[in-house]
Amino acid sequence: MKRSRVDLLATAGSSCWSSIPGDLLEQISGHLSTDADLLHIHQACAHWRASTSPPASCRPWIRAVRTGWSRPLAPGDTDYSFWLPRRQHQRQVETRAPPAGVPYCLGASRGWLAMGDRRRVPWDPASGARPLTRLVLWDPASGAEVQLPCLRDATHVFLSGDPLASPHSWMAVASQRVADIAIKPFFWRPGGAAAWSPLGERNTAAFISVAFHGGRAYCVDAYRVVYVYDLGTAARPPALVGARNAGAMVDEIWKCHRFSYRPNGAHLVTGRAGGELLLVAWRRGPGIRWAEPAVSSCCSPLCSFFAVVFKLDWTRDEPELGERVTDLGEHALFLGHGECLALSSKEFPGIKRNHVYCVAPEWNVSSKHDRTLPDWAFVFDLGSGTSQEIPYPRELRDDGTNWRPFSWFCLRTPFMKQQQ
């Protein structure tokens, strides 16, 4: 069936764009999907500005979580918060309250929050803590909810697609804590089994990032091991078809006679133009205050870099690093403990092209080991190799909240004031 078209000029009754009815402009702006488009339509002229609203807060946001030494939760408090990634005067983003009965956040993926009725706590089988009994995907902008089967002791949830945009072709991967740092991975598909099914047959360390690409799930654990699961076969559970240490792969390419480049962390990102899978390896280079001294005679220029980006290929039945990526074009990468993002600066005007925005718990450990959080995040310029710190918000240092920056979160649609 052919979609009907709206003749804007005929609707306005004039050739002047400024005479388009305000209610029609408001309707059009409600269908725009990028922050940049909303800002452009709002800035076109005085009439358009009066008839439309800019985003309340440009995306993406930093998702922070409470720590083990945060003050106790008061009635109505959440165990997560959202913040704009500014270098100065960081601002908290207020969203609507979570659904009744599931106030605790267990992950963020594809613009959805995984909410449960039990807070994620340190693993202790003898604690007698009440198990998780509800697990819900929730969009804090629209309020939409998608029910998931419950998974006891779930810690993180990753989505391969948007449950509303592709209701029959997405899947979820979740981690179930089975020891202090060990997890057992599970997966679930809508229309399939009623309960979660094991993903592979072995336990791993906690997953730091998960990416879905080419019919496979690529998972990086806390020890920087990349596990690859084949999702395109009828095998139950999906077979583990490859596992390699990301640090070892980087070392094989960039040798240095003074010291190993072995990274402190590794993350996977998909979604950039071209659809390739990227592996981002980072280390604490000379630009960071607690870094090792610079090595001027090092044979590899990468030894002074904070982050390097490679294409990750699947060859000879194992993951291998492809060519190094030195220019992301109009895109920027966002790394954290959870889903990592590749976003276009043309669609998200609050970000810088060819930059890597970094936030993760392991970067925010005080050199004095005194539970202070000296930094909030880092912004790394992939072109110049320089980095800037986003300091920990001043107003949070002494209020007892102890928010820890944990991951990035990008809503499915622009965030408007009426959605707060």
Foldseek 3Di string as FASTA:
>chain_A
DDDDDDDQCVCLVHPDNLSRDLVVLQVVLVPDFFLLVQVCQLPVDPSSVVSGDHFPDFDKWFKWFFDPQFDDDDPPDARIWTWHQDLPDIDTDDFDQADPQFRYFQEFELQWTWTWNDHQDFDDPPPPDDWTQFIWIARRQPRDIDGAHDDTQWRYKYKQHDCVVCVQPMKMKIWHDDDRFKTWIWMDGPPDDRHTFTQEDDIDGQWQEWYDADQWIWTQHQQQKTWIFHRPDPDGVTYGQEIDRPQVLVCVVFPKPPDGLRANYKYWEADAPVGFIKIKGFHPAPQDPVHDDDDPPIPGPCRRFGMWMFTWDQPPRYIHTDDTDLASDQWEWEGFRYYIYIDGCSRRVVDGGQKYKYFYQVVQADPVNPLAGFFQIKIARSNVRHIDTRGDDPVPRPPSRSIGRGGMHDHSGRRHPVRD
